[in-house]
Amino acid sequence: MKILESAENYLETILILKNEKGNVRAIDIVNYLDFSKPSVSIALKQLENNGFISRDKDGLISLTDDGRQIAESVYERHELLTRHFISIGVSPDTAREDACRVEHYISQETFNALKKHHMQDHN
């Protein structure tokens, strides 16, 4: 399933915040991404309408199964790419920034080959 890069970023952010804080509210996303409240509100409504998140009566945000699958995939790409870039001499800050860009565009074939290569180097 192909979704927009911005939606992938929101889903990944929700996953990260859920792991860090336990509960996620819209304001947490605003603060984490440094986006405006209206922008986050619009994005969350779209994610909810597309079945990627749900919100309870208290405003707590949860990933649906589809949303979690996308978020975990993007997060895995981000983490592996960051580690790979650092391992070849890229500074950690630049590695994280570049991984954030590349994670949305790298093909599954290339990612799988990189993952396999990385696993061989660390076994």
Protein backbone atom coordinates (compact mmCIF):
# COMPACT_ATOMS: atom_id res chain seq x y z
CA MET A 1 0.00 0.00 0.00
CA LYS A 2 1.48 3.36 -1.03
CA ILE A 3 0.55 6.41 0.99
CA LEU A 4 1.88 9.93 1.04
CA GLU A 5 5.21 10.65 2.69
CA SER A 6 3.54 13.08 5.09
CA ALA A 7 1.08 10.40 6.23
CA GLU A 8 3.97 7.97 6.75
CA ASN A 9 5.73 10.61 8.88
CA TYR A 10 2.64 11.12 11.03
CA LEU A 11 2.16 7.38 11.54
CA GLU A 12 5.84 6.91 12.40
CA THR A 13 5.62 9.83 14.87
CA ILE A 14 2.56 8.31 16.55
CA LEU A 15 4.42 5.00 16.91
CA ILE A 16 7.50 6.72 18.40
CA LEU A 17 5.41 8.79 20.82
CA LYS A 18 3.34 5.77 21.84
CA ASN A 19 6.55 3.88 22.64
CA GLU A 20 7.99 6.85 24.57
CA LYS A 21 4.92 8.15 26.39
CA GLY A 22 2.33 5.39 26.37
CA ASN A 23 -0.49 7.73 25.35
CA VAL A 24 -0.54 10.04 22.35
CA ARG A 25 -2.59 13.20 21.94
CA ALA A 26 -2.65 15.67 19.06
CA ILE A 27 -0.64 18.21 21.08
CA ASP A 28 2.16 15.66 21.47
CA ILE A 29 2.39 15.42 17.69
CA VAL A 30 2.30 19.22 17.35
CA ASN A 31 5.22 19.51 19.78
CA TYR A 32 7.22 16.59 18.35
CA LEU A 33 6.97 17.69 14.71
CA ASP A 34 6.83 21.43 15.46
CA PHE A 35 3.78 21.77 13.19
CA SER A 36 0.76 23.99 13.73
CA LYS A 37 -2.29 22.66 15.57
CA PRO A 38 -4.56 23.15 12.50
CA SER A 39 -2.14 21.24 10.23
CA VAL A 40 -1.95 18.32 12.65
CA SER A 41 -5.73 18.35 13.13
CA ILE A 42 -6.33 18.13 9.38
CA ALA A 43 -3.77 15.34 8.97
CA LEU A 44 -5.21 13.34 11.86
CA LYS A 45 -8.71 13.63 10.43
CA GLN A 46 -7.45 12.29 7.08
CA LEU A 47 -5.59 9.43 8.79
CA GLU A 48 -8.72 8.59 10.76
CA ASN A 49 -10.94 8.74 7.66
CA ASN A 50 -8.52 6.40 5.85
CA GLY A 51 -8.55 3.90 8.70
CA PHE A 52 -4.96 4.35 9.89
CA ILE A 53 -5.71 5.75 13.35
CA SER A 54 -8.54 5.88 15.85
CA ARG A 55 -9.25 8.38 18.61
CA ASP A 56 -11.14 7.71 21.81
CA LYS A 57 -13.48 10.06 23.67
CA ASP A 58 -10.51 11.50 25.61
CA GLY A 59 -8.61 12.35 22.43
CA LEU A 60 -6.06 9.56 22.78
CA ILE A 61 -4.73 8.45 19.40
CA SER A 62 -4.11 4.81 18.52
CA LEU A 63 -2.79 3.19 15.38
CA THR A 64 -5.09 0.71 13.68
CA ASP A 65 -3.55 -2.53 12.42
CA ASP A 66 -3.04 -0.95 8.98
CA GLY A 67 -1.57 2.20 10.51
CA ARG A 68 0.77 0.21 12.77
CA GLN A 69 1.99 -1.91 9.85
CA ILE A 70 2.94 1.21 7.87
CA ALA A 71 4.47 2.96 10.90
CA GLU A 72 6.60 -0.05 11.83
CA SER A 73 7.79 -0.45 8.24
CA VAL A 74 8.82 3.21 7.98
CA TYR A 75 10.44 3.12 11.42
CA GLU A 76 12.42 -0.02 10.55
CA ARG A 77 13.68 1.67 7.38
CA HIS A 78 14.60 4.81 9.30
CA GLU A 79 16.53 2.92 11.98
CA LEU A 80 18.43 0.68 9.56
CA LEU A 81 19.29 3.52 7.19
CA THR A 82 20.46 5.71 10.08
CA ARG A 83 22.73 2.93 11.40
CA HIS A 84 24.04 2.22 7.91
CA PHE A 85 24.84 5.86 7.18
CA ILE A 86 26.63 6.23 10.53
CA SER A 87 28.60 3.03 9.86
CA ILE A 88 29.98 4.51 6.64
CA GLY A 89 31.11 7.70 8.35
CA VAL A 90 28.12 10.05 8.17
CA SER A 91 27.58 12.17 11.29
CA PRO A 92 24.64 10.99 13.43
CA ASP A 93 22.56 14.14 12.86
CA THR A 94 23.03 14.06 9.09
CA ALA A 95 22.45 10.30 9.06
CA ARG A 96 19.07 10.72 10.82
CA GLU A 97 18.02 13.56 8.51
CA ASP A 98 19.02 11.68 5.36
CA ALA A 99 17.39 8.46 6.58
CA CYS A 100 14.16 10.39 7.10
CA ARG A 101 14.21 11.42 3.45
CA VAL A 102 15.37 8.12 1.95
CA GLU A 103 13.03 5.90 3.99
CA HIS A 104 10.07 6.99 1.87
CA TYR A 105 11.63 6.38 -1.53
CA ILE A 106 13.92 3.37 -1.26
CA SER A 107 12.53 0.34 -3.09
CA GLN A 108 11.64 -2.78 -1.15
CA GLU A 109 14.23 -4.70 -3.18
CA THR A 110 17.03 -2.29 -2.27
CA PHE A 111 15.95 -2.12 1.37
CA ASN A 112 15.86 -5.94 1.64
CA ALA A 113 19.36 -6.18 0.11
CA LEU A 114 20.68 -3.51 2.50
CA LYS A 115 19.02 -5.25 5.43
CA LYS A 116 20.54 -8.60 4.43
CA HIS A 117 23.96 -7.00 3.98
CA HIS A 118 23.73 -5.24 7.33
CA MET A 119 22.72 -8.46 9.09
CA GLN A 120 25.67 -10.34 7.56
CA ASP A 121 28.09 -7.66 8.75
CA HIS A 122 26.79 -7.95 12.31
CA ASN A 123 26.72 -11.75 12.66
